[in-house]
Amino acid sequence: MFAIISDQSKKTIKLFAAKWSIDILVSINDFKVTGFNQLNQSLPSLSHKVLTERLQDMVKDSMISRTVVERIPLRVIYKLSPKGQAILELCTKLNDFD
């Protein structure tokens, strides 16, 4: 028998499956804490627009955290949340199915 999946879980799975989401999570994990430009440079095939959209979606879904550093110029940093870390751990476990 299958468990019922909540609407929030379905939303997370859709975001998780969206193109570039895993790549963004991996990049943020590699850097531990990163800014937009560093992410943009680490994913050269990803457009500025799509990166912005994915980051907004991932923040909204609590996969990553976004912090504005009050300085001149303003700096925004991204960090994996516990939920984002758990998703990366799931991806690692999926490798065992090969």
N, C-alpha and C. Protein backbone atom coordinates (compact mmCIF):
# COMPACT_ATOMS: atom_id res chain seq x y z
N MET A 1 0.84 -1.18 0.00
CA MET A 1 0.00 0.00 0.00
C MET A 1 0.89 1.25 0.00
N PHE A 2 0.52 2.24 -0.76
CA PHE A 2 1.29 3.47 -0.86
C PHE A 2 0.80 4.49 0.15
N ALA A 3 1.76 5.26 0.66
CA ALA A 3 1.43 6.33 1.60
C ALA A 3 0.86 7.51 0.82
N ILE A 4 0.01 8.26 1.46
CA ILE A 4 -0.54 9.47 0.85
C ILE A 4 0.52 10.56 0.94
N ILE A 5 0.76 11.24 -0.17
CA ILE A 5 1.76 12.29 -0.22
C ILE A 5 1.06 13.63 -0.05
N SER A 6 1.56 14.44 0.87
CA SER A 6 0.94 15.74 1.14
C SER A 6 1.15 16.69 -0.03
N ASP A 7 0.34 17.72 -0.09
CA ASP A 7 0.47 18.73 -1.15
C ASP A 7 1.82 19.43 -1.07
N GLN A 8 2.30 19.69 0.15
CA GLN A 8 3.61 20.32 0.31
C GLN A 8 4.72 19.42 -0.23
N SER A 9 4.61 18.11 0.03
CA SER A 9 5.60 17.17 -0.49
C SER A 9 5.57 17.13 -2.01
N LYS A 10 4.38 17.16 -2.58
CA LYS A 10 4.25 17.17 -4.04
C LYS A 10 4.90 18.42 -4.62
N LYS A 11 4.67 19.55 -3.98
CA LYS A 11 5.26 20.81 -4.43
C LYS A 11 6.79 20.73 -4.38
N THR A 12 7.32 20.17 -3.30
CA THR A 12 8.77 20.04 -3.15
C THR A 12 9.34 19.11 -4.21
N ILE A 13 8.66 18.01 -4.48
CA ILE A 13 9.12 17.06 -5.49
C ILE A 13 9.14 17.71 -6.87
N LYS A 14 8.13 18.52 -7.18
CA LYS A 14 8.10 19.22 -8.47
C LYS A 14 9.27 20.19 -8.59
N LEU A 15 9.54 20.92 -7.54
CA LEU A 15 10.65 21.87 -7.55
C LEU A 15 11.97 21.12 -7.63
N PHE A 16 12.08 20.04 -6.89
CA PHE A 16 13.26 19.19 -6.88
C PHE A 16 13.53 18.64 -8.28
N ALA A 17 12.46 18.33 -9.01
CA ALA A 17 12.60 17.77 -10.35
C ALA A 17 12.80 18.84 -11.43
N ALA A 18 12.59 20.10 -11.10
CA ALA A 18 12.74 21.17 -12.08
C ALA A 18 14.19 21.23 -12.56
N LYS A 19 14.34 21.52 -13.83
CA LYS A 19 15.67 21.60 -14.41
C LYS A 19 16.53 22.60 -13.63
N TRP A 20 17.75 22.23 -13.35
CA TRP A 20 18.77 23.02 -12.67
C TRP A 20 18.68 23.00 -11.15
N SER A 21 17.59 22.56 -10.56
CA SER A 21 17.47 22.63 -9.11
C SER A 21 18.56 21.84 -8.39
N ILE A 22 18.82 20.63 -8.85
CA ILE A 22 19.85 19.81 -8.21
C ILE A 22 21.22 20.44 -8.40
N ASP A 23 21.48 20.95 -9.61
CA ASP A 23 22.77 21.59 -9.88
C ASP A 23 22.98 22.79 -8.95
N ILE A 24 21.93 23.56 -8.73
CA ILE A 24 22.02 24.72 -7.84
C ILE A 24 22.28 24.26 -6.40
N LEU A 25 21.56 23.24 -5.95
CA LEU A 25 21.78 22.72 -4.59
C LEU A 25 23.21 22.22 -4.41
N VAL A 26 23.71 21.51 -5.41
CA VAL A 26 25.08 20.98 -5.33
C VAL A 26 26.09 22.13 -5.28
N SER A 27 25.89 23.14 -6.11
CA SER A 27 26.81 24.29 -6.11
C SER A 27 26.79 25.01 -4.77
N ILE A 28 25.61 25.23 -4.22
CA ILE A 28 25.52 25.90 -2.92
C ILE A 28 26.20 25.03 -1.85
N ASN A 29 25.99 23.74 -1.92
CA ASN A 29 26.62 22.82 -0.97
C ASN A 29 28.14 22.88 -1.09
N ASP A 30 28.65 22.92 -2.31
CA ASP A 30 30.10 22.98 -2.53
C ASP A 30 30.71 24.24 -1.94
N PHE A 31 30.02 25.36 -2.11
CA PHE A 31 30.53 26.64 -1.61
C PHE A 31 30.19 26.87 -0.13
N LYS A 32 29.25 26.12 0.42
CA LYS A 32 28.70 26.28 1.78
C LYS A 32 27.85 27.54 1.90
N VAL A 33 28.40 28.68 1.57
CA VAL A 33 27.67 29.95 1.54
C VAL A 33 28.12 30.64 0.27
N THR A 34 27.17 31.11 -0.52
CA THR A 34 27.54 31.69 -1.81
C THR A 34 26.66 32.88 -2.17
N GLY A 35 27.19 33.71 -3.02
CA GLY A 35 26.43 34.82 -3.56
C GLY A 35 25.91 34.48 -4.95
N PHE A 36 25.05 35.34 -5.48
CA PHE A 36 24.45 35.11 -6.78
C PHE A 36 25.51 35.01 -7.88
N ASN A 37 26.46 35.93 -7.90
CA ASN A 37 27.46 35.93 -8.97
C ASN A 37 28.32 34.68 -8.95
N GLN A 38 28.67 34.20 -7.78
CA GLN A 38 29.46 32.98 -7.68
C GLN A 38 28.66 31.79 -8.22
N LEU A 39 27.38 31.74 -7.91
CA LEU A 39 26.52 30.68 -8.46
C LEU A 39 26.42 30.80 -9.97
N ASN A 40 26.22 32.01 -10.44
CA ASN A 40 26.07 32.26 -11.87
C ASN A 40 27.33 31.82 -12.62
N GLN A 41 28.50 32.06 -12.05
CA GLN A 41 29.76 31.67 -12.69
C GLN A 41 29.97 30.16 -12.63
N SER A 42 29.48 29.52 -11.57
CA SER A 42 29.68 28.08 -11.43
C SER A 42 28.74 27.27 -12.33
N LEU A 43 27.70 27.91 -12.83
CA LEU A 43 26.73 27.25 -13.72
C LEU A 43 26.60 28.06 -15.01
N PRO A 44 27.64 28.05 -15.85
CA PRO A 44 27.66 28.93 -17.03
C PRO A 44 26.56 28.65 -18.06
N SER A 45 26.02 27.46 -18.08
CA SER A 45 24.96 27.14 -19.05
C SER A 45 23.59 27.63 -18.60
N LEU A 46 23.51 28.07 -17.37
CA LEU A 46 22.25 28.52 -16.79
C LEU A 46 22.11 30.02 -16.97
N SER A 47 20.97 30.44 -17.51
CA SER A 47 20.76 31.88 -17.74
C SER A 47 20.50 32.60 -16.42
N HIS A 48 20.80 33.87 -16.42
CA HIS A 48 20.59 34.75 -15.26
C HIS A 48 19.12 34.68 -14.81
N LYS A 49 18.21 34.73 -15.78
CA LYS A 49 16.76 34.72 -15.51
C LYS A 49 16.32 33.41 -14.83
N VAL A 50 16.77 32.29 -15.37
CA VAL A 50 16.37 31.00 -14.82
C VAL A 50 16.98 30.80 -13.43
N LEU A 51 18.23 31.22 -13.25
CA LEU A 51 18.86 31.12 -11.93
C LEU A 51 18.05 31.92 -10.91
N THR A 52 17.68 33.13 -11.27
CA THR A 52 16.89 33.97 -10.38
C THR A 52 15.57 33.30 -10.03
N GLU A 53 14.88 32.76 -11.03
CA GLU A 53 13.59 32.10 -10.79
C GLU A 53 13.73 30.88 -9.89
N ARG A 54 14.74 30.05 -10.18
CA ARG A 54 14.93 28.84 -9.38
C ARG A 54 15.28 29.19 -7.93
N LEU A 55 16.15 30.19 -7.76
CA LEU A 55 16.51 30.59 -6.39
C LEU A 55 15.29 31.09 -5.63
N GLN A 56 14.46 31.89 -6.28
CA GLN A 56 13.24 32.39 -5.62
C GLN A 56 12.34 31.23 -5.23
N ASP A 57 12.15 30.28 -6.14
CA ASP A 57 11.30 29.11 -5.85
C ASP A 57 11.88 28.28 -4.71
N MET A 58 13.19 28.10 -4.71
CA MET A 58 13.83 27.27 -3.70
C MET A 58 13.80 27.95 -2.32
N VAL A 59 13.90 29.26 -2.29
CA VAL A 59 13.77 29.99 -1.02
C VAL A 59 12.34 29.87 -0.51
N LYS A 60 11.38 30.05 -1.42
CA LYS A 60 9.97 29.96 -1.05
C LYS A 60 9.62 28.59 -0.48
N ASP A 61 10.27 27.54 -1.02
CA ASP A 61 10.00 26.18 -0.58
C ASP A 61 10.95 25.73 0.54
N SER A 62 11.73 26.66 1.08
CA SER A 62 12.63 26.41 2.21
C SER A 62 13.73 25.39 1.92
N MET A 63 14.15 25.29 0.67
CA MET A 63 15.27 24.40 0.33
C MET A 63 16.60 25.10 0.59
N ILE A 64 16.59 26.42 0.45
CA ILE A 64 17.77 27.23 0.72
C ILE A 64 17.34 28.47 1.51
N SER A 65 18.30 29.09 2.16
CA SER A 65 18.00 30.34 2.85
C SER A 65 18.67 31.48 2.10
N ARG A 66 18.07 32.64 2.17
CA ARG A 66 18.57 33.84 1.50
C ARG A 66 18.75 34.91 2.56
N THR A 67 19.96 35.46 2.63
CA THR A 67 20.26 36.49 3.61
C THR A 67 20.82 37.71 2.90
N VAL A 68 20.28 38.88 3.23
CA VAL A 68 20.79 40.13 2.67
C VAL A 68 21.78 40.71 3.67
N VAL A 69 23.00 40.94 3.19
CA VAL A 69 24.04 41.52 4.02
C VAL A 69 24.03 43.02 3.78
N GLU A 70 23.73 43.76 4.82
CA GLU A 70 23.62 45.21 4.72
C GLU A 70 25.01 45.84 4.66
N ARG A 71 25.46 46.10 3.47
CA ARG A 71 26.71 46.80 3.25
C ARG A 71 26.63 47.45 1.89
N ILE A 72 27.62 48.20 1.54
CA ILE A 72 27.61 48.85 0.22
C ILE A 72 28.70 48.19 -0.61
N PRO A 73 28.40 47.59 -1.73
CA PRO A 73 27.05 47.33 -2.23
C PRO A 73 26.38 46.20 -1.45
N LEU A 74 25.05 46.16 -1.53
CA LEU A 74 24.29 45.09 -0.87
C LEU A 74 24.78 43.74 -1.39
N ARG A 75 24.77 42.76 -0.52
CA ARG A 75 25.16 41.42 -0.92
C ARG A 75 24.10 40.44 -0.45
N VAL A 76 23.73 39.54 -1.31
CA VAL A 76 22.77 38.49 -0.97
C VAL A 76 23.53 37.18 -0.96
N ILE A 77 23.38 36.42 0.12
CA ILE A 77 24.05 35.12 0.19
C ILE A 77 23.01 34.01 0.34
N TYR A 78 23.35 32.87 -0.22
CA TYR A 78 22.49 31.69 -0.18
C TYR A 78 23.20 30.58 0.55
N LYS A 79 22.41 29.81 1.28
CA LYS A 79 22.93 28.70 2.07
C LYS A 79 21.90 27.58 2.06
N LEU A 80 22.36 26.34 2.08
CA LEU A 80 21.43 25.21 2.15
C LEU A 80 20.69 25.21 3.47
N SER A 81 19.42 24.93 3.42
CA SER A 81 18.63 24.75 4.63
C SER A 81 18.69 23.27 5.01
N PRO A 82 18.22 22.91 6.17
CA PRO A 82 18.16 21.48 6.51
C PRO A 82 17.35 20.68 5.47
N LYS A 83 16.30 21.27 4.93
CA LYS A 83 15.49 20.60 3.91
C LYS A 83 16.31 20.38 2.63
N GLY A 84 17.08 21.38 2.23
CA GLY A 84 17.94 21.25 1.05
C GLY A 84 19.01 20.20 1.26
N GLN A 85 19.57 20.16 2.47
CA GLN A 85 20.58 19.15 2.80
C GLN A 85 19.96 17.75 2.74
N ALA A 86 18.74 17.61 3.23
CA ALA A 86 18.06 16.31 3.19
C ALA A 86 17.80 15.87 1.76
N ILE A 87 17.47 16.81 0.89
CA ILE A 87 17.24 16.47 -0.51
C ILE A 87 18.53 15.98 -1.16
N LEU A 88 19.65 16.64 -0.87
CA LEU A 88 20.93 16.17 -1.41
C LEU A 88 21.28 14.78 -0.89
N GLU A 89 20.96 14.51 0.38
CA GLU A 89 21.19 13.18 0.93
C GLU A 89 20.35 12.13 0.21
N LEU A 90 19.10 12.50 -0.13
CA LEU A 90 18.25 11.59 -0.90
C LEU A 90 18.86 11.30 -2.27
N CYS A 91 19.39 12.33 -2.90
CA CYS A 91 20.04 12.15 -4.21
C CYS A 91 21.20 11.18 -4.10
N THR A 92 21.97 11.30 -3.03
CA THR A 92 23.10 10.40 -2.82
C THR A 92 22.61 8.96 -2.67
N LYS A 93 21.51 8.79 -1.95
CA LYS A 93 20.95 7.44 -1.78
C LYS A 93 20.41 6.89 -3.09
N LEU A 94 19.90 7.78 -3.96
CA LEU A 94 19.41 7.32 -5.26
C LEU A 94 20.53 6.72 -6.10
N ASN A 95 21.77 7.16 -5.87
CA ASN A 95 22.90 6.60 -6.59
C ASN A 95 23.05 5.11 -6.33
N ASP A 96 22.58 4.63 -5.18
CA ASP A 96 22.69 3.21 -4.82
C ASP A 96 21.79 2.32 -5.67
N PHE A 97 20.84 2.92 -6.40
CA PHE A 97 19.92 2.13 -7.21
C PHE A 97 20.48 1.77 -8.57
N ASP A 98 21.67 2.24 -8.89
CA ASP A 98 22.27 1.93 -10.21
C ASP A 98 22.52 0.47 -10.38
